[in-house]
Amino acid sequence: MSGLLIFLVILVLLVLFLISAYNRLVSLRNNRENAFADIDVQLRQRHDLIPQLVEAVKGYMKHESEVLTAVTDARARAMGAGTINDKIAAESQLTAALGGLKVAVEAYPDLKASQNFLNLQEEIADVENKLAAVRRFFNSATKELNIAVQSFPSNLVAGMFGFHKETMFDLGEKREVMEEPPTVKFS
């Protein structure tokens, strides 16, 4: 009889552990998804500002149409991305395209002095700063989830219920440049 009791106690403890570990993993996954929702809000603001920026630049940059096309195409891909991983990849491409636009703008002093353009630059700089903050929070939530998914004994529960290591919002080779706050020049 005592052997049966010990078996039942061990079984109950095992079930409680499984429930606890599963609930923790679900909570961490939801935190990550919530953090990406914050990123999504900032990305939407960024996407809304880009057409205004392109229109402000178009009149000045008649010969730079490929730069504007690259920004517009990258924005469309970013807005059409469905999964978190697709959005991360598309946003990296959009960031690179916007970097090309910033380089091209340097050749147009009249554009850089335009009040409309300066206002747009300030708004975009503000959104980029907010994006950097929410991206850090998202990566922190992703790291916490990944640690739980990979560490013992919760990795056993993660494997049973389909939890897996998630992708960070990495900027790749542009990371050093993007981690610096954007500068707004009044020249």
N, C-alpha and C. Protein backbone atom coordinates (compact mmCIF):
# COMPACT_ATOMS: atom_id res chain seq x y z
N MET A 1 0.81 -1.19 0.00
CA MET A 1 0.00 0.00 0.00
C MET A 1 0.86 1.26 0.00
N SER A 2 1.96 1.26 0.77
CA SER A 2 2.81 2.45 0.81
C SER A 2 3.51 2.68 -0.53
N GLY A 3 3.80 1.61 -1.27
CA GLY A 3 4.39 1.75 -2.60
C GLY A 3 3.45 2.45 -3.56
N LEU A 4 2.15 2.14 -3.46
CA LEU A 4 1.14 2.79 -4.30
C LEU A 4 1.02 4.26 -3.94
N LEU A 5 1.08 4.56 -2.65
CA LEU A 5 1.00 5.95 -2.19
C LEU A 5 2.20 6.76 -2.70
N ILE A 6 3.36 6.19 -2.60
CA ILE A 6 4.56 6.88 -3.10
C ILE A 6 4.45 7.11 -4.61
N PHE A 7 3.98 6.11 -5.33
CA PHE A 7 3.78 6.25 -6.77
C PHE A 7 2.79 7.37 -7.10
N LEU A 8 1.69 7.44 -6.36
CA LEU A 8 0.68 8.49 -6.59
C LEU A 8 1.23 9.87 -6.28
N VAL A 9 2.00 9.98 -5.20
CA VAL A 9 2.61 11.28 -4.85
C VAL A 9 3.57 11.72 -5.95
N ILE A 10 4.39 10.79 -6.42
CA ILE A 10 5.34 11.11 -7.50
C ILE A 10 4.57 11.50 -8.77
N LEU A 11 3.51 10.78 -9.07
CA LEU A 11 2.70 11.09 -10.24
C LEU A 11 2.06 12.47 -10.13
N VAL A 12 1.52 12.80 -8.97
CA VAL A 12 0.91 14.12 -8.75
C VAL A 12 1.96 15.22 -8.88
N LEU A 13 3.14 15.01 -8.30
CA LEU A 13 4.21 16.00 -8.41
C LEU A 13 4.66 16.18 -9.86
N LEU A 14 4.73 15.10 -10.59
CA LEU A 14 5.11 15.17 -12.00
C LEU A 14 4.07 15.95 -12.81
N VAL A 15 2.81 15.68 -12.56
CA VAL A 15 1.73 16.39 -13.26
C VAL A 15 1.77 17.88 -12.90
N LEU A 16 1.98 18.19 -11.63
CA LEU A 16 2.07 19.60 -11.22
C LEU A 16 3.26 20.29 -11.89
N PHE A 17 4.39 19.58 -11.97
CA PHE A 17 5.55 20.15 -12.66
C PHE A 17 5.23 20.42 -14.13
N LEU A 18 4.61 19.47 -14.81
CA LEU A 18 4.26 19.64 -16.22
C LEU A 18 3.33 20.83 -16.42
N ILE A 19 2.33 20.94 -15.58
CA ILE A 19 1.39 22.06 -15.67
C ILE A 19 2.11 23.38 -15.45
N SER A 20 2.93 23.44 -14.42
CA SER A 20 3.67 24.67 -14.10
C SER A 20 4.62 25.06 -15.24
N ALA A 21 5.37 24.10 -15.74
CA ALA A 21 6.33 24.39 -16.82
C ALA A 21 5.60 24.82 -18.08
N TYR A 22 4.51 24.14 -18.42
CA TYR A 22 3.74 24.50 -19.61
C TYR A 22 3.18 25.92 -19.48
N ASN A 23 2.59 26.22 -18.32
CA ASN A 23 2.02 27.56 -18.13
C ASN A 23 3.09 28.65 -18.19
N ARG A 24 4.28 28.36 -17.68
CA ARG A 24 5.37 29.34 -17.76
C ARG A 24 5.78 29.58 -19.21
N LEU A 25 5.88 28.51 -19.99
CA LEU A 25 6.25 28.64 -21.40
C LEU A 25 5.18 29.42 -22.17
N VAL A 26 3.92 29.16 -21.88
CA VAL A 26 2.83 29.90 -22.54
C VAL A 26 2.92 31.37 -22.17
N SER A 27 3.17 31.66 -20.91
CA SER A 27 3.29 33.05 -20.46
C SER A 27 4.45 33.75 -21.16
N LEU A 28 5.58 33.09 -21.26
CA LEU A 28 6.75 33.67 -21.93
C LEU A 28 6.49 33.90 -23.42
N ARG A 29 5.82 32.94 -24.06
CA ARG A 29 5.49 33.10 -25.48
C ARG A 29 4.54 34.29 -25.67
N ASN A 30 3.57 34.43 -24.78
CA ASN A 30 2.63 35.55 -24.88
C ASN A 30 3.33 36.89 -24.62
N ASN A 31 4.28 36.91 -23.70
CA ASN A 31 5.06 38.13 -23.46
C ASN A 31 5.81 38.54 -24.72
N ARG A 32 6.39 37.55 -25.40
CA ARG A 32 7.12 37.82 -26.65
C ARG A 32 6.18 38.37 -27.71
N GLU A 33 5.02 37.74 -27.86
CA GLU A 33 4.05 38.20 -28.86
C GLU A 33 3.54 39.60 -28.53
N ASN A 34 3.34 39.88 -27.25
CA ASN A 34 2.92 41.22 -26.83
C ASN A 34 4.01 42.24 -27.12
N ALA A 35 5.25 41.86 -26.89
CA ALA A 35 6.37 42.76 -27.18
C ALA A 35 6.43 43.05 -28.68
N PHE A 36 6.15 42.03 -29.51
CA PHE A 36 6.17 42.28 -30.95
C PHE A 36 4.99 43.15 -31.37
N ALA A 37 3.88 43.07 -30.66
CA ALA A 37 2.74 43.95 -30.96
C ALA A 37 3.15 45.41 -30.76
N ASP A 38 3.97 45.68 -29.74
CA ASP A 38 4.49 47.04 -29.53
C ASP A 38 5.38 47.46 -30.70
N ILE A 39 6.19 46.54 -31.18
CA ILE A 39 7.03 46.82 -32.34
C ILE A 39 6.14 47.11 -33.55
N ASP A 40 5.10 46.32 -33.71
CA ASP A 40 4.19 46.48 -34.84
C ASP A 40 3.57 47.87 -34.88
N VAL A 41 3.22 48.41 -33.72
CA VAL A 41 2.65 49.76 -33.66
C VAL A 41 3.66 50.78 -34.19
N GLN A 42 4.90 50.66 -33.76
CA GLN A 42 5.93 51.59 -34.21
C GLN A 42 6.23 51.41 -35.70
N LEU A 43 6.22 50.15 -36.16
CA LEU A 43 6.47 49.90 -37.58
C LEU A 43 5.36 50.49 -38.43
N ARG A 44 4.13 50.40 -37.94
CA ARG A 44 3.01 50.99 -38.68
C ARG A 44 3.18 52.50 -38.80
N GLN A 45 3.60 53.16 -37.71
CA GLN A 45 3.86 54.60 -37.78
C GLN A 45 4.98 54.88 -38.78
N ARG A 46 6.00 54.08 -38.73
CA ARG A 46 7.12 54.24 -39.67
C ARG A 46 6.63 54.08 -41.10
N HIS A 47 5.81 53.05 -41.34
CA HIS A 47 5.29 52.81 -42.69
C HIS A 47 4.40 53.96 -43.15
N ASP A 48 3.66 54.57 -42.23
CA ASP A 48 2.80 55.70 -42.59
C ASP A 48 3.62 56.95 -42.93
N LEU A 49 4.77 57.11 -42.31
CA LEU A 49 5.60 58.29 -42.57
C LEU A 49 6.39 58.18 -43.87
N ILE A 50 6.70 56.97 -44.29
CA ILE A 50 7.55 56.79 -45.47
C ILE A 50 6.96 57.40 -46.74
N PRO A 51 5.67 57.20 -47.05
CA PRO A 51 5.13 57.83 -48.27
C PRO A 51 5.25 59.35 -48.23
N GLN A 52 5.06 59.94 -47.05
CA GLN A 52 5.21 61.39 -46.92
C GLN A 52 6.65 61.81 -47.18
N LEU A 53 7.58 61.03 -46.66
CA LEU A 53 9.00 61.32 -46.88
C LEU A 53 9.33 61.20 -48.36
N VAL A 54 8.85 60.14 -49.01
CA VAL A 54 9.12 59.93 -50.43
C VAL A 54 8.55 61.08 -51.25
N GLU A 55 7.33 61.52 -50.94
CA GLU A 55 6.72 62.64 -51.67
C GLU A 55 7.50 63.93 -51.46
N ALA A 56 7.97 64.16 -50.24
CA ALA A 56 8.75 65.37 -49.97
C ALA A 56 10.06 65.38 -50.74
N VAL A 57 10.61 64.19 -50.95
CA VAL A 57 11.91 64.06 -51.61
C VAL A 57 11.78 64.04 -53.13
N LYS A 58 10.67 63.55 -53.65
CA LYS A 58 10.51 63.34 -55.10
C LYS A 58 10.83 64.57 -55.94
N GLY A 59 10.32 65.72 -55.53
CA GLY A 59 10.53 66.93 -56.32
C GLY A 59 11.99 67.32 -56.42
N TYR A 60 12.77 67.00 -55.44
CA TYR A 60 14.18 67.38 -55.42
C TYR A 60 15.06 66.34 -56.10
N MET A 61 14.68 65.09 -56.00
CA MET A 61 15.56 64.01 -56.44
C MET A 61 15.06 63.38 -57.74
N LYS A 62 15.05 64.14 -58.78
CA LYS A 62 14.57 63.64 -60.07
C LYS A 62 15.43 62.47 -60.59
N HIS A 63 16.72 62.51 -60.32
CA HIS A 63 17.64 61.51 -60.87
C HIS A 63 17.85 60.32 -59.93
N GLU A 64 17.20 60.32 -58.81
CA GLU A 64 17.42 59.27 -57.81
C GLU A 64 16.20 58.35 -57.68
N SER A 65 15.52 58.12 -58.78
CA SER A 65 14.27 57.35 -58.71
C SER A 65 14.48 55.92 -58.21
N GLU A 66 15.65 55.33 -58.49
CA GLU A 66 15.88 53.96 -58.02
C GLU A 66 15.94 53.90 -56.50
N VAL A 67 16.43 54.95 -55.86
CA VAL A 67 16.48 54.99 -54.39
C VAL A 67 15.05 55.06 -53.85
N LEU A 68 14.24 55.90 -54.45
CA LEU A 68 12.85 56.03 -54.00
C LEU A 68 12.07 54.74 -54.25
N THR A 69 12.34 54.11 -55.39
CA THR A 69 11.67 52.85 -55.71
C THR A 69 12.08 51.77 -54.70
N ALA A 70 13.34 51.72 -54.34
CA ALA A 70 13.81 50.73 -53.37
C ALA A 70 13.12 50.92 -52.02
N VAL A 71 12.96 52.17 -51.59
CA VAL A 71 12.29 52.46 -50.32
C VAL A 71 10.82 52.04 -50.40
N THR A 72 10.17 52.42 -51.49
CA THR A 72 8.75 52.09 -51.66
C THR A 72 8.53 50.58 -51.73
N ASP A 73 9.38 49.87 -52.47
CA ASP A 73 9.26 48.42 -52.57
C ASP A 73 9.52 47.74 -51.22
N ALA A 74 10.54 48.22 -50.52
CA ALA A 74 10.86 47.64 -49.21
C ALA A 74 9.73 47.88 -48.22
N ARG A 75 9.11 49.05 -48.29
CA ARG A 75 7.95 49.35 -47.43
C ARG A 75 6.81 48.40 -47.73
N ALA A 76 6.53 48.16 -49.01
CA ALA A 76 5.45 47.26 -49.40
C ALA A 76 5.71 45.84 -48.89
N ARG A 77 6.96 45.38 -49.01
CA ARG A 77 7.30 44.04 -48.51
C ARG A 77 7.13 43.98 -46.99
N ALA A 78 7.55 45.05 -46.31
CA ALA A 78 7.45 45.08 -44.85
C ALA A 78 5.98 45.08 -44.42
N MET A 79 5.15 45.81 -45.12
CA MET A 79 3.73 45.86 -44.75
C MET A 79 3.02 44.55 -45.07
N GLY A 80 3.51 43.81 -46.06
CA GLY A 80 2.89 42.56 -46.45
C GLY A 80 3.39 41.34 -45.70
N ALA A 81 4.41 41.52 -44.89
CA ALA A 81 4.98 40.38 -44.15
C ALA A 81 3.97 39.87 -43.13
N GLY A 82 3.85 38.56 -43.04
CA GLY A 82 2.85 37.98 -42.17
C GLY A 82 3.36 37.53 -40.82
N THR A 83 4.39 36.73 -40.80
CA THR A 83 4.89 36.19 -39.54
C THR A 83 5.91 37.14 -38.91
N ILE A 84 6.19 36.91 -37.66
CA ILE A 84 7.18 37.73 -36.96
C ILE A 84 8.53 37.62 -37.67
N ASN A 85 8.93 36.42 -38.05
CA ASN A 85 10.22 36.25 -38.73
C ASN A 85 10.25 36.95 -40.07
N ASP A 86 9.14 36.89 -40.83
CA ASP A 86 9.07 37.60 -42.11
C ASP A 86 9.16 39.10 -41.91
N LYS A 87 8.50 39.59 -40.86
CA LYS A 87 8.53 41.04 -40.58
C LYS A 87 9.94 41.48 -40.20
N ILE A 88 10.63 40.65 -39.43
CA ILE A 88 12.00 40.99 -39.04
C ILE A 88 12.88 41.11 -40.28
N ALA A 89 12.78 40.16 -41.20
CA ALA A 89 13.59 40.19 -42.42
C ALA A 89 13.21 41.38 -43.29
N ALA A 90 11.92 41.63 -43.46
CA ALA A 90 11.46 42.74 -44.30
C ALA A 90 11.86 44.09 -43.71
N GLU A 91 11.80 44.21 -42.40
CA GLU A 91 12.17 45.48 -41.76
C GLU A 91 13.67 45.74 -41.88
N SER A 92 14.46 44.69 -41.87
CA SER A 92 15.90 44.87 -42.08
C SER A 92 16.17 45.42 -43.48
N GLN A 93 15.42 44.92 -44.47
CA GLN A 93 15.56 45.43 -45.84
C GLN A 93 15.09 46.88 -45.93
N LEU A 94 14.00 47.21 -45.25
CA LEU A 94 13.50 48.58 -45.26
C LEU A 94 14.49 49.52 -44.60
N THR A 95 15.09 49.07 -43.51
CA THR A 95 16.11 49.89 -42.83
C THR A 95 17.28 50.18 -43.77
N ALA A 96 17.70 49.18 -44.52
CA ALA A 96 18.80 49.36 -45.47
C ALA A 96 18.39 50.34 -46.58
N ALA A 97 17.16 50.22 -47.07
CA ALA A 97 16.69 51.13 -48.13
C ALA A 97 16.61 52.56 -47.61
N LEU A 98 16.14 52.74 -46.38
CA LEU A 98 16.09 54.09 -45.80
C LEU A 98 17.50 54.66 -45.61
N GLY A 99 18.45 53.79 -45.30
CA GLY A 99 19.84 54.23 -45.19
C GLY A 99 20.35 54.75 -46.53
N GLY A 100 19.99 54.07 -47.63
CA GLY A 100 20.36 54.54 -48.96
C GLY A 100 19.72 55.88 -49.28
N LEU A 101 18.50 56.08 -48.82
CA LEU A 101 17.82 57.36 -49.03
C LEU A 101 18.52 58.48 -48.26
N LYS A 102 18.94 58.19 -47.04
CA LYS A 102 19.65 59.20 -46.24
C LYS A 102 20.93 59.63 -46.94
N VAL A 103 21.65 58.68 -47.52
CA VAL A 103 22.88 59.00 -48.24
C VAL A 103 22.57 59.87 -49.46
N ALA A 104 21.53 59.53 -50.20
CA ALA A 104 21.17 60.28 -51.40
C ALA A 104 20.73 61.70 -51.06
N VAL A 105 20.05 61.87 -49.93
CA VAL A 105 19.55 63.19 -49.53
C VAL A 105 20.69 64.17 -49.28
N GLU A 106 21.83 63.66 -48.85
CA GLU A 106 22.97 64.53 -48.56
C GLU A 106 23.37 65.40 -49.76
N ALA A 107 23.08 64.95 -50.95
CA ALA A 107 23.49 65.68 -52.16
C ALA A 107 22.52 66.81 -52.52
N TYR A 108 21.46 67.01 -51.73
CA TYR A 108 20.44 68.02 -52.06
C TYR A 108 20.26 69.01 -50.91
N PRO A 109 21.08 70.08 -50.92
CA PRO A 109 21.02 71.05 -49.81
C PRO A 109 19.65 71.75 -49.70
N ASP A 110 18.98 72.00 -50.83
CA ASP A 110 17.67 72.65 -50.77
C ASP A 110 16.66 71.75 -50.06
N LEU A 111 16.74 70.46 -50.32
CA LEU A 111 15.84 69.51 -49.68
C LEU A 111 16.10 69.47 -48.18
N LYS A 112 17.37 69.43 -47.79
CA LYS A 112 17.70 69.35 -46.38
C LYS A 112 17.25 70.60 -45.62
N ALA A 113 17.05 71.71 -46.32
CA ALA A 113 16.60 72.94 -45.68
C ALA A 113 15.07 73.07 -45.68
N SER A 114 14.36 72.23 -46.40
CA SER A 114 12.91 72.29 -46.48
C SER A 114 12.29 71.98 -45.12
N GLN A 115 11.39 72.86 -44.66
CA GLN A 115 10.76 72.68 -43.35
C GLN A 115 9.94 71.39 -43.30
N ASN A 116 9.24 71.09 -44.38
CA ASN A 116 8.44 69.86 -44.44
C ASN A 116 9.35 68.64 -44.27
N PHE A 117 10.47 68.64 -44.97
CA PHE A 117 11.42 67.53 -44.88
C PHE A 117 12.02 67.44 -43.47
N LEU A 118 12.35 68.58 -42.89
CA LEU A 118 12.91 68.58 -41.54
C LEU A 118 11.91 68.02 -40.52
N ASN A 119 10.63 68.40 -40.68
CA ASN A 119 9.61 67.87 -39.77
C ASN A 119 9.48 66.36 -39.91
N LEU A 120 9.50 65.89 -41.16
CA LEU A 120 9.42 64.44 -41.39
C LEU A 120 10.64 63.72 -40.80
N GLN A 121 11.81 64.32 -40.96
CA GLN A 121 13.02 63.73 -40.38
C GLN A 121 12.90 63.60 -38.86
N GLU A 122 12.35 64.64 -38.23
CA GLU A 122 12.17 64.60 -36.78
C GLU A 122 11.19 63.50 -36.38
N GLU A 123 10.08 63.39 -37.10
CA GLU A 123 9.10 62.35 -36.79
C GLU A 123 9.70 60.96 -36.98
N ILE A 124 10.42 60.78 -38.06
CA ILE A 124 11.04 59.48 -38.31
C ILE A 124 12.10 59.18 -37.26
N ALA A 125 12.87 60.18 -36.86
CA ALA A 125 13.87 59.96 -35.81
C ALA A 125 13.20 59.55 -34.51
N ASP A 126 12.06 60.16 -34.20
CA ASP A 126 11.31 59.81 -32.99
C ASP A 126 10.82 58.37 -33.06
N VAL A 127 10.25 57.99 -34.21
CA VAL A 127 9.77 56.62 -34.38
C VAL A 127 10.93 55.63 -34.30
N GLU A 128 12.07 55.95 -34.90
CA GLU A 128 13.23 55.06 -34.85
C GLU A 128 13.73 54.87 -33.42
N ASN A 129 13.70 55.95 -32.62
CA ASN A 129 14.09 55.83 -31.21
C ASN A 129 13.13 54.91 -30.46
N LYS A 130 11.83 55.08 -30.71
CA LYS A 130 10.84 54.22 -30.06
C LYS A 130 11.00 52.77 -30.52
N LEU A 131 11.29 52.60 -31.81
CA LEU A 131 11.51 51.25 -32.34
C LEU A 131 12.69 50.57 -31.65
N ALA A 132 13.75 51.33 -31.44
CA ALA A 132 14.92 50.76 -30.78
C ALA A 132 14.57 50.29 -29.37
N ALA A 133 13.76 51.08 -28.66
CA ALA A 133 13.37 50.72 -27.30
C ALA A 133 12.49 49.46 -27.29
N VAL A 134 11.48 49.41 -28.14
CA VAL A 134 10.60 48.23 -28.14
C VAL A 134 11.30 47.01 -28.71
N ARG A 135 12.27 47.22 -29.59
CA ARG A 135 13.05 46.09 -30.13
C ARG A 135 13.89 45.47 -29.00
N ARG A 136 14.45 46.30 -28.14
CA ARG A 136 15.21 45.78 -27.00
C ARG A 136 14.30 44.98 -26.06
N PHE A 137 13.09 45.48 -25.82
CA PHE A 137 12.15 44.77 -24.96
C PHE A 137 11.75 43.44 -25.60
N PHE A 138 11.49 43.45 -26.90
CA PHE A 138 11.14 42.22 -27.62
C PHE A 138 12.27 41.21 -27.53
N ASN A 139 13.49 41.65 -27.75
CA ASN A 139 14.64 40.73 -27.69
C ASN A 139 14.83 40.19 -26.28
N SER A 140 14.53 40.99 -25.28
CA SER A 140 14.61 40.52 -23.90
C SER A 140 13.56 39.43 -23.64
N ALA A 141 12.33 39.65 -24.12
CA ALA A 141 11.27 38.65 -23.96
C ALA A 141 11.62 37.38 -24.74
N THR A 142 12.20 37.55 -25.94
CA THR A 142 12.59 36.40 -26.74
C THR A 142 13.70 35.62 -26.05
N LYS A 143 14.66 36.33 -25.49
CA LYS A 143 15.77 35.66 -24.78
C LYS A 143 15.24 34.86 -23.59
N GLU A 144 14.32 35.43 -22.85
CA GLU A 144 13.76 34.74 -21.69
C GLU A 144 13.02 33.46 -22.11
N LEU A 145 12.25 33.56 -23.20
CA LEU A 145 11.55 32.39 -23.73
C LEU A 145 12.56 31.34 -24.20
N ASN A 146 13.57 31.78 -24.94
CA ASN A 146 14.57 30.84 -25.46
C ASN A 146 15.32 30.12 -24.34
N ILE A 147 15.62 30.83 -23.27
CA ILE A 147 16.30 30.19 -22.13
C ILE A 147 15.41 29.11 -21.54
N ALA A 148 14.13 29.41 -21.39
CA ALA A 148 13.20 28.41 -20.83
C ALA A 148 13.05 27.21 -21.76
N VAL A 149 13.02 27.47 -23.06
CA VAL A 149 12.86 26.39 -24.04
C VAL A 149 14.09 25.49 -24.09
N GLN A 150 15.26 26.06 -23.83
CA GLN A 150 16.50 25.31 -23.99
C GLN A 150 17.06 24.75 -22.68
N SER A 151 16.59 25.22 -21.55
CA SER A 151 17.20 24.76 -20.29
C SER A 151 16.42 23.59 -19.70
N PHE A 152 17.16 22.77 -18.98
CA PHE A 152 16.59 21.58 -18.35
C PHE A 152 15.94 21.98 -17.03
N PRO A 153 14.84 21.47 -16.66
CA PRO A 153 14.02 20.44 -17.25
C PRO A 153 12.87 20.97 -18.13
N SER A 154 12.74 22.31 -18.21
CA SER A 154 11.62 22.85 -18.99
C SER A 154 11.75 22.53 -20.47
N ASN A 155 12.97 22.21 -20.93
CA ASN A 155 13.13 21.84 -22.35
C ASN A 155 12.38 20.55 -22.67
N LEU A 156 12.20 19.69 -21.70
CA LEU A 156 11.44 18.46 -21.91
C LEU A 156 9.97 18.78 -22.20
N VAL A 157 9.42 19.69 -21.42
CA VAL A 157 8.03 20.10 -21.61
C VAL A 157 7.90 20.88 -22.91
N ALA A 158 8.86 21.75 -23.20
CA ALA A 158 8.83 22.53 -24.44
C ALA A 158 8.81 21.61 -25.65
N GLY A 159 9.63 20.59 -25.63
CA GLY A 159 9.67 19.65 -26.74
C GLY A 159 8.37 18.90 -26.91
N MET A 160 7.74 18.53 -25.81
CA MET A 160 6.48 17.78 -25.88
C MET A 160 5.34 18.63 -26.46
N PHE A 161 5.38 19.93 -26.20
CA PHE A 161 4.26 20.79 -26.60
C PHE A 161 4.59 21.73 -27.75
N GLY A 162 5.69 21.49 -28.43
CA GLY A 162 5.99 22.22 -29.66
C GLY A 162 6.58 23.61 -29.48
N PHE A 163 7.06 23.93 -28.30
CA PHE A 163 7.76 25.21 -28.12
C PHE A 163 9.15 25.06 -28.71
N HIS A 164 9.66 26.12 -29.32
CA HIS A 164 10.99 26.06 -29.92
C HIS A 164 11.69 27.41 -29.78
N LYS A 165 12.97 27.40 -30.03
CA LYS A 165 13.77 28.63 -29.95
C LYS A 165 13.24 29.62 -30.99
N GLU A 166 13.06 30.87 -30.57
CA GLU A 166 12.51 31.91 -31.44
C GLU A 166 13.61 32.85 -31.91
N THR A 167 13.32 33.56 -32.98
CA THR A 167 14.28 34.48 -33.59
C THR A 167 14.26 35.83 -32.89
N MET A 168 15.44 36.36 -32.69
CA MET A 168 15.57 37.73 -32.15
C MET A 168 15.34 38.72 -33.28
N PHE A 169 15.01 39.95 -32.92
CA PHE A 169 14.87 41.01 -33.91
C PHE A 169 16.26 41.59 -34.11
N ASP A 170 17.03 40.92 -34.95
CA ASP A 170 18.43 41.27 -35.17
C ASP A 170 18.55 42.13 -36.41
N LEU A 171 19.40 43.12 -36.34
CA LEU A 171 19.61 44.01 -37.48
C LEU A 171 20.80 43.58 -38.33
N GLY A 172 21.41 42.46 -37.97
CA GLY A 172 22.52 41.95 -38.76
C GLY A 172 23.69 42.91 -38.77
N GLU A 173 24.22 43.12 -39.97
CA GLU A 173 25.42 43.95 -40.10
C GLU A 173 25.14 45.43 -39.85
N LYS A 174 23.89 45.85 -39.90
CA LYS A 174 23.53 47.26 -39.66
C LYS A 174 23.35 47.55 -38.18
N ARG A 175 23.54 46.56 -37.31
CA ARG A 175 23.26 46.68 -35.88
C ARG A 175 23.95 47.88 -35.23
N GLU A 176 25.24 48.05 -35.47
CA GLU A 176 25.97 49.14 -34.83
C GLU A 176 25.41 50.50 -35.22
N VAL A 177 25.07 50.65 -36.48
CA VAL A 177 24.54 51.92 -36.97
C VAL A 177 23.16 52.17 -36.38
N MET A 178 22.32 51.13 -36.34
CA MET A 178 20.94 51.30 -35.90
C MET A 178 20.82 51.46 -34.39
N GLU A 179 21.76 50.98 -33.62
CA GLU A 179 21.69 51.12 -32.18
C GLU A 179 22.02 52.54 -31.74
N GLU A 180 22.65 53.31 -32.63
CA GLU A 180 22.89 54.72 -32.33
C GLU A 180 21.62 55.48 -32.58
N PRO A 181 21.31 56.48 -31.73
CA PRO A 181 20.10 57.25 -31.99
C PRO A 181 20.25 58.03 -33.29
N PRO A 182 19.16 58.17 -34.06
CA PRO A 182 19.27 58.91 -35.31
C PRO A 182 19.57 60.38 -35.05
N THR A 183 20.31 60.98 -35.96
CA THR A 183 20.63 62.39 -35.84
C THR A 183 19.81 63.19 -36.84
N VAL A 184 19.34 64.31 -36.39
CA VAL A 184 18.59 65.21 -37.27
C VAL A 184 19.46 66.43 -37.47
N LYS A 185 19.81 66.69 -38.73
CA LYS A 185 20.72 67.80 -39.04
C LYS A 185 19.91 68.97 -39.60
N PHE A 186 20.19 70.13 -39.10
CA PHE A 186 19.57 71.36 -39.60
C PHE A 186 20.64 72.15 -40.33
N SER A 187 20.78 71.85 -41.62
CA SER A 187 21.82 72.55 -42.38
C SER A 187 21.24 73.22 -43.58
